[in-house]
C-alpha atoms as a PDB file:
ATOM      1  CA  MET A   1    -222.643  68.557  99.573  1.00  0.00           C
ATOM      2  CA  SER A   2    -222.477  65.860  96.964  1.00  0.00           C
ATOM      3  CA  ASN A   3    -218.710  66.217  96.643  1.00  0.00           C
ATOM      4  CA  GLN A   4    -218.294  66.124 100.408  1.00  0.00           C
ATOM      5  CA  SER A   5    -220.498  63.037 100.617  1.00  0.00           C
ATOM      6  CA  ASN A   6    -218.506  61.259  97.906  1.00  0.00           C
ATOM      7  CA  SER A   7    -215.257  62.222  99.571  1.00  0.00           C
ATOM      8  CA  GLN A   8    -216.430  60.840 102.930  1.00  0.00           C
ATOM      9  CA  SER A   9    -217.607  57.656 101.231  1.00  0.00           C
ATOM     10  CA  GLU A  10    -214.259  57.248  99.480  1.00  0.00           C
ATOM     11  CA  ASN A  11    -212.380  57.911 102.717  1.00  0.00           C
ATOM     12  CA  HIS A  12    -214.508  55.326 104.503  1.00  0.00           C
ATOM     13  CA  ARG A  13    -213.850  52.756 101.749  1.00  0.00           C
ATOM     14  CA  LEU A  14    -210.149  53.543 101.864  1.00  0.00           C
ATOM     15  CA  GLU A  15    -210.061  53.071 105.647  1.00  0.00           C
ATOM     16  CA  GLU A  16    -211.870  49.740 105.303  1.00  0.00           C
ATOM     17  CA  LEU A  17    -209.405  48.572 102.675  1.00  0.00           C
ATOM     18  CA  GLU A  18    -206.439  49.638 104.798  1.00  0.00           C
ATOM     19  CA  THR A  19    -207.922  47.810 107.798  1.00  0.00           C
ATOM     20  CA  LYS A  20    -208.444  44.653 105.753  1.00  0.00           C
ATOM     21  CA  LEU A  21    -204.925  44.869 104.332  1.00  0.00           C
ATOM     22  CA  THR A  22    -203.440  45.242 107.817  1.00  0.00           C
ATOM     23  CA  PHE A  23    -205.434  42.244 109.038  1.00  0.00           C
ATOM     24  CA  GLN A  24    -204.335  40.159 106.044  1.00  0.00           C
ATOM     25  CA  ASP A  25    -200.678  41.112 106.532  1.00  0.00           C
ATOM     26  CA  HIS A  26    -200.908  40.044 110.164  1.00  0.00           C
ATOM     27  CA  LEU A  27    -202.632  36.793 109.222  1.00  0.00           C
ATOM     28  CA  ILE A  28    -199.997  36.021 106.576  1.00  0.00           C
ATOM     29  CA  ASP A  29    -197.254  36.556 109.160  1.00  0.00           C
ATOM     30  CA  GLU A  30    -199.002  34.185 111.591  1.00  0.00           C
ATOM     31  CA  LEU A  31    -199.484  31.557 108.893  1.00  0.00           C
ATOM     32  CA  ASN A  32    -195.844  31.885 107.867  1.00  0.00           C
ATOM     33  CA  GLN A  33    -194.706  31.303 111.452  1.00  0.00           C
ATOM     34  CA  ALA A  34    -196.973  28.267 111.717  1.00  0.00           C
ATOM     35  CA  LEU A  35    -195.573  26.911 108.463  1.00  0.00           C
ATOM     36  CA  ILE A  36    -192.002  27.393 109.689  1.00  0.00           C
ATOM     37  CA  ALA A  37    -192.822  25.551 112.933  1.00  0.00           C
ATOM     38  CA  GLN A  38    -194.471  22.696 111.031  1.00  0.00           C
ATOM     39  CA  GLN A  39    -191.502  22.345 108.696  1.00  0.00           C
ATOM     40  CA  ARG A  40    -189.198  22.223 111.711  1.00  0.00           C
ATOM     41  CA  ASP A  41    -191.375  19.461 113.222  1.00  0.00           C
ATOM     42  CA  ILE A  42    -191.433  17.536 109.932  1.00  0.00           C
ATOM     43  CA  THR A  43    -187.645  17.697 109.743  1.00  0.00           C
ATOM     44  CA  LYS A  44    -187.308  16.413 113.318  1.00  0.00           C
ATOM     45  CA  LEU A  45    -189.784  13.592 112.672  1.00  0.00           C
ATOM     46  CA  THR A  46    -188.030  12.641 109.435  1.00  0.00           C
ATOM     47  CA  ASN A  47    -184.693  12.435 111.239  1.00  0.00           C
ATOM     48  CA  LEU A  48    -186.270  10.390 114.026  1.00  0.00           C
ATOM     49  CA  LEU A  49    -187.875   8.012 111.531  1.00  0.00           C
ATOM     50  CA  GLU A  50    -184.568   7.542 109.710  1.00  0.00           C
ATOM     51  CA  SER A  51    -182.919   6.756 113.032  1.00  0.00           C
ATOM     52  CA  VAL A  52    -185.584   4.205 113.937  1.00  0.00           C
ATOM     53  CA  ILE A  53    -185.342   2.582 110.503  1.00  0.00           C
ATOM     54  CA  SER A  54    -181.572   2.365 110.884  1.00  0.00           C
ATOM     55  CA  GLN A  55    -181.907   0.766 114.309  1.00  0.00           C
ATOM     56  CA  VAL A  56    -184.461  -1.763 113.045  1.00  0.00           C
ATOM     57  CA  GLU A  57    -182.217  -2.652 110.116  1.00  0.00           C
ATOM     58  CA  LYS A  58    -179.273  -3.173 112.488  1.00  0.00           C
ATOM     59  CA  LEU A  59    -181.382  -5.441 114.680  1.00  0.00           C
ATOM     60  CA  GLY A  60    -182.540  -7.385 111.638  1.00  0.00           C
ATOM     61  CA  ASP A  61    -178.994  -7.791 110.325  1.00  0.00           C
ATOM     62  CA  GLY A  62    -177.375  -8.704 113.630  1.00  0.00           C
ATOM     63  CA  GLY A  63    -179.983 -11.039 115.028  1.00  0.00           C
ATOM     64  CA  ASN A  64    -179.739 -13.918 112.565  1.00  0.00           C
ATOM     65  CA  GLN A  65    -176.351 -13.736 110.923  1.00  0.00           C
ATOM     66  CA  GLY A  66    -175.716 -16.988 109.092  1.00  0.00           C
ATOM     67  CA  GLU A  67    -178.578 -18.752 110.840  1.00  0.00           C
ATOM     68  CA  GLN A  68    -181.711 -20.063 109.271  1.00  0.00           C
ATOM     69  CA  VAL A  69    -184.883 -19.148 111.027  1.00  0.00           C
ATOM     70  CA  GLU A  70    -186.754 -22.221 112.165  1.00  0.00           C
ATOM     71  CA  LEU A  71    -190.507 -22.012 112.135  1.00  0.00           C
ATOM     72  CA  PRO A  72    -192.357 -23.362 115.134  1.00  0.00           C
ATOM     73  CA  PRO A  73    -193.852 -26.846 114.683  1.00  0.00           C
ATOM     74  CA  HIS A  74    -197.376 -25.599 114.102  1.00  0.00           C
ATOM     75  CA  TYR A  75    -196.376 -23.849 110.848  1.00  0.00           C
END
């Protein structure tokens, strides 16, 4: 009976390890998908920020071409 008991114990341990491995594989896949989505969002936000910076620079360049900015009297 000792051999049968050890065999059952080993089978149980093996099943637990296989279950944990399956869970971890699934979790890694979910984390990978989340990472892909975040990278996509970061890329979109980076492009948007570059666009906003470009627009601000154009406004700054075009607003006061050749003119000196006069400070209000209280400065």
